[in-house]
């Protein structure tokens, strides 16, 4: 699995449950896993990332993926 860019892609990170899951990953795993957050709206993803930086400074480099499950 070394060829994968991410170990975890958290889709729906801008929703209530997604934010809680992102907080958990940021607190628990930090840089120990390669992860990204995904959702439909870039501005909302950026806001989640800014919040996660307060929990774990390493989150400032967290990659954001804009995606729509209906597409």
C-alpha atoms as a PDB file:
ATOM      1  CA  UNK A   1       0.000   0.000   0.000  1.00  0.00           C
ATOM      2  CA  UNK A   2       3.020   2.274  -0.237  1.00  0.00           C
ATOM      3  CA  UNK A   3       1.847   3.533  -3.636  1.00  0.00           C
ATOM      4  CA  UNK A   4      -1.274   5.206  -2.206  1.00  0.00           C
ATOM      5  CA  UNK A   5      -1.171   8.944  -1.708  1.00  0.00           C
ATOM      6  CA  UNK A   6      -3.443   8.773   1.379  1.00  0.00           C
ATOM      7  CA  UNK A   7      -4.198   6.216   4.057  1.00  0.00           C
ATOM      8  CA  UNK A   8      -7.489   7.967   4.841  1.00  0.00           C
ATOM      9  CA  UNK A   9      -9.706  10.329   2.870  1.00  0.00           C
ATOM     10  CA  UNK A  10     -12.426  11.668   5.126  1.00  0.00           C
ATOM     11  CA  UNK A  11     -15.331  12.532   2.832  1.00  0.00           C
ATOM     12  CA  UNK A  12     -18.009  14.774   4.296  1.00  0.00           C
ATOM     13  CA  UNK A  13     -15.564  16.548   6.583  1.00  0.00           C
ATOM     14  CA  UNK A  14     -17.600  19.771   6.538  1.00  0.00           C
ATOM     15  CA  UNK A  15     -20.674  18.184   8.117  1.00  0.00           C
ATOM     16  CA  UNK A  16     -21.264  17.796  11.856  1.00  0.00           C
ATOM     17  CA  UNK A  17     -20.157  14.168  12.114  1.00  0.00           C
ATOM     18  CA  UNK A  18     -17.365  14.655   9.600  1.00  0.00           C
ATOM     19  CA  UNK A  19     -15.884  17.488  11.657  1.00  0.00           C
ATOM     20  CA  UNK A  20     -15.943  15.297  14.767  1.00  0.00           C
ATOM     21  CA  UNK A  21     -14.206  12.506  12.858  1.00  0.00           C
ATOM     22  CA  UNK A  22     -11.594  14.944  11.504  1.00  0.00           C
ATOM     23  CA  UNK A  23     -10.920  16.240  15.012  1.00  0.00           C
ATOM     24  CA  UNK A  24     -10.418  12.674  16.209  1.00  0.00           C
ATOM     25  CA  UNK A  25      -7.957  11.870  13.424  1.00  0.00           C
ATOM     26  CA  UNK A  26      -6.044  15.125  14.015  1.00  0.00           C
ATOM     27  CA  UNK A  27      -5.768  14.449  17.759  1.00  0.00           C
ATOM     28  CA  UNK A  28      -5.060  10.746  17.581  1.00  0.00           C
ATOM     29  CA  UNK A  29      -2.941  10.235  14.476  1.00  0.00           C
ATOM     30  CA  UNK A  30      -1.580  13.610  13.363  1.00  0.00           C
ATOM     31  CA  UNK A  31       1.293  12.952  10.953  1.00  0.00           C
ATOM     32  CA  UNK A  32       1.359   9.202  11.664  1.00  0.00           C
ATOM     33  CA  UNK A  33      -1.059   8.651   8.792  1.00  0.00           C
ATOM     34  CA  UNK A  34      -1.324  10.275   5.378  1.00  0.00           C
ATOM     35  CA  UNK A  35      -4.802  11.739   5.258  1.00  0.00           C
ATOM     36  CA  UNK A  36      -6.949  14.335   3.552  1.00  0.00           C
ATOM     37  CA  UNK A  37     -10.377  15.818   4.034  1.00  0.00           C
ATOM     38  CA  UNK A  38     -12.909  15.926   1.231  1.00  0.00           C
ATOM     39  CA  UNK A  39     -16.180  17.640   0.538  1.00  0.00           C
ATOM     40  CA  UNK A  40     -18.126  19.645  -2.003  1.00  0.00           C
ATOM     41  CA  UNK A  41     -17.140  23.153  -0.915  1.00  0.00           C
ATOM     42  CA  UNK A  42     -13.523  24.375  -0.844  1.00  0.00           C
ATOM     43  CA  UNK A  43     -14.201  27.335   1.469  1.00  0.00           C
ATOM     44  CA  UNK A  44     -15.851  25.064   4.039  1.00  0.00           C
ATOM     45  CA  UNK A  45     -12.964  22.593   3.786  1.00  0.00           C
ATOM     46  CA  UNK A  46     -10.511  25.440   4.383  1.00  0.00           C
ATOM     47  CA  UNK A  47     -12.495  26.447   7.482  1.00  0.00           C
ATOM     48  CA  UNK A  48     -12.355  22.885   8.821  1.00  0.00           C
ATOM     49  CA  UNK A  49      -8.610  22.766   8.214  1.00  0.00           C
ATOM     50  CA  UNK A  50      -8.152  26.070  10.075  1.00  0.00           C
ATOM     51  CA  UNK A  51     -10.074  24.598  13.009  1.00  0.00           C
ATOM     52  CA  UNK A  52      -7.943  21.432  12.933  1.00  0.00           C
ATOM     53  CA  UNK A  53      -4.729  23.490  13.084  1.00  0.00           C
ATOM     54  CA  UNK A  54      -5.841  24.655  16.545  1.00  0.00           C
ATOM     55  CA  UNK A  55      -5.976  20.989  17.599  1.00  0.00           C
ATOM     56  CA  UNK A  56      -2.814  19.846  15.826  1.00  0.00           C
ATOM     57  CA  UNK A  57      -0.459  22.305  14.109  1.00  0.00           C
ATOM     58  CA  UNK A  58       0.551  19.618  11.592  1.00  0.00           C
ATOM     59  CA  UNK A  59      -2.935  19.916  10.086  1.00  0.00           C
ATOM     60  CA  UNK A  60      -1.879  23.099   8.269  1.00  0.00           C
ATOM     61  CA  UNK A  61      -0.501  20.856   5.515  1.00  0.00           C
ATOM     62  CA  UNK A  62      -3.647  18.722   5.339  1.00  0.00           C
ATOM     63  CA  UNK A  63      -4.689  18.277   1.737  1.00  0.00           C
ATOM     64  CA  UNK A  64      -8.193  19.316   0.686  1.00  0.00           C
ATOM     65  CA  UNK A  65     -10.088  17.390  -1.969  1.00  0.00           C
ATOM     66  CA  UNK A  66     -13.162  18.878  -3.603  1.00  0.00           C
ATOM     67  CA  UNK A  67     -15.512  16.102  -4.671  1.00  0.00           C
ATOM     68  CA  UNK A  68     -19.204  15.438  -5.074  1.00  0.00           C
ATOM     69  CA  UNK A  69     -20.572  11.965  -4.439  1.00  0.00           C
ATOM     70  CA  UNK A  70     -23.312  12.604  -7.013  1.00  0.00           C
ATOM     71  CA  UNK A  71     -20.722  13.137  -9.753  1.00  0.00           C
END
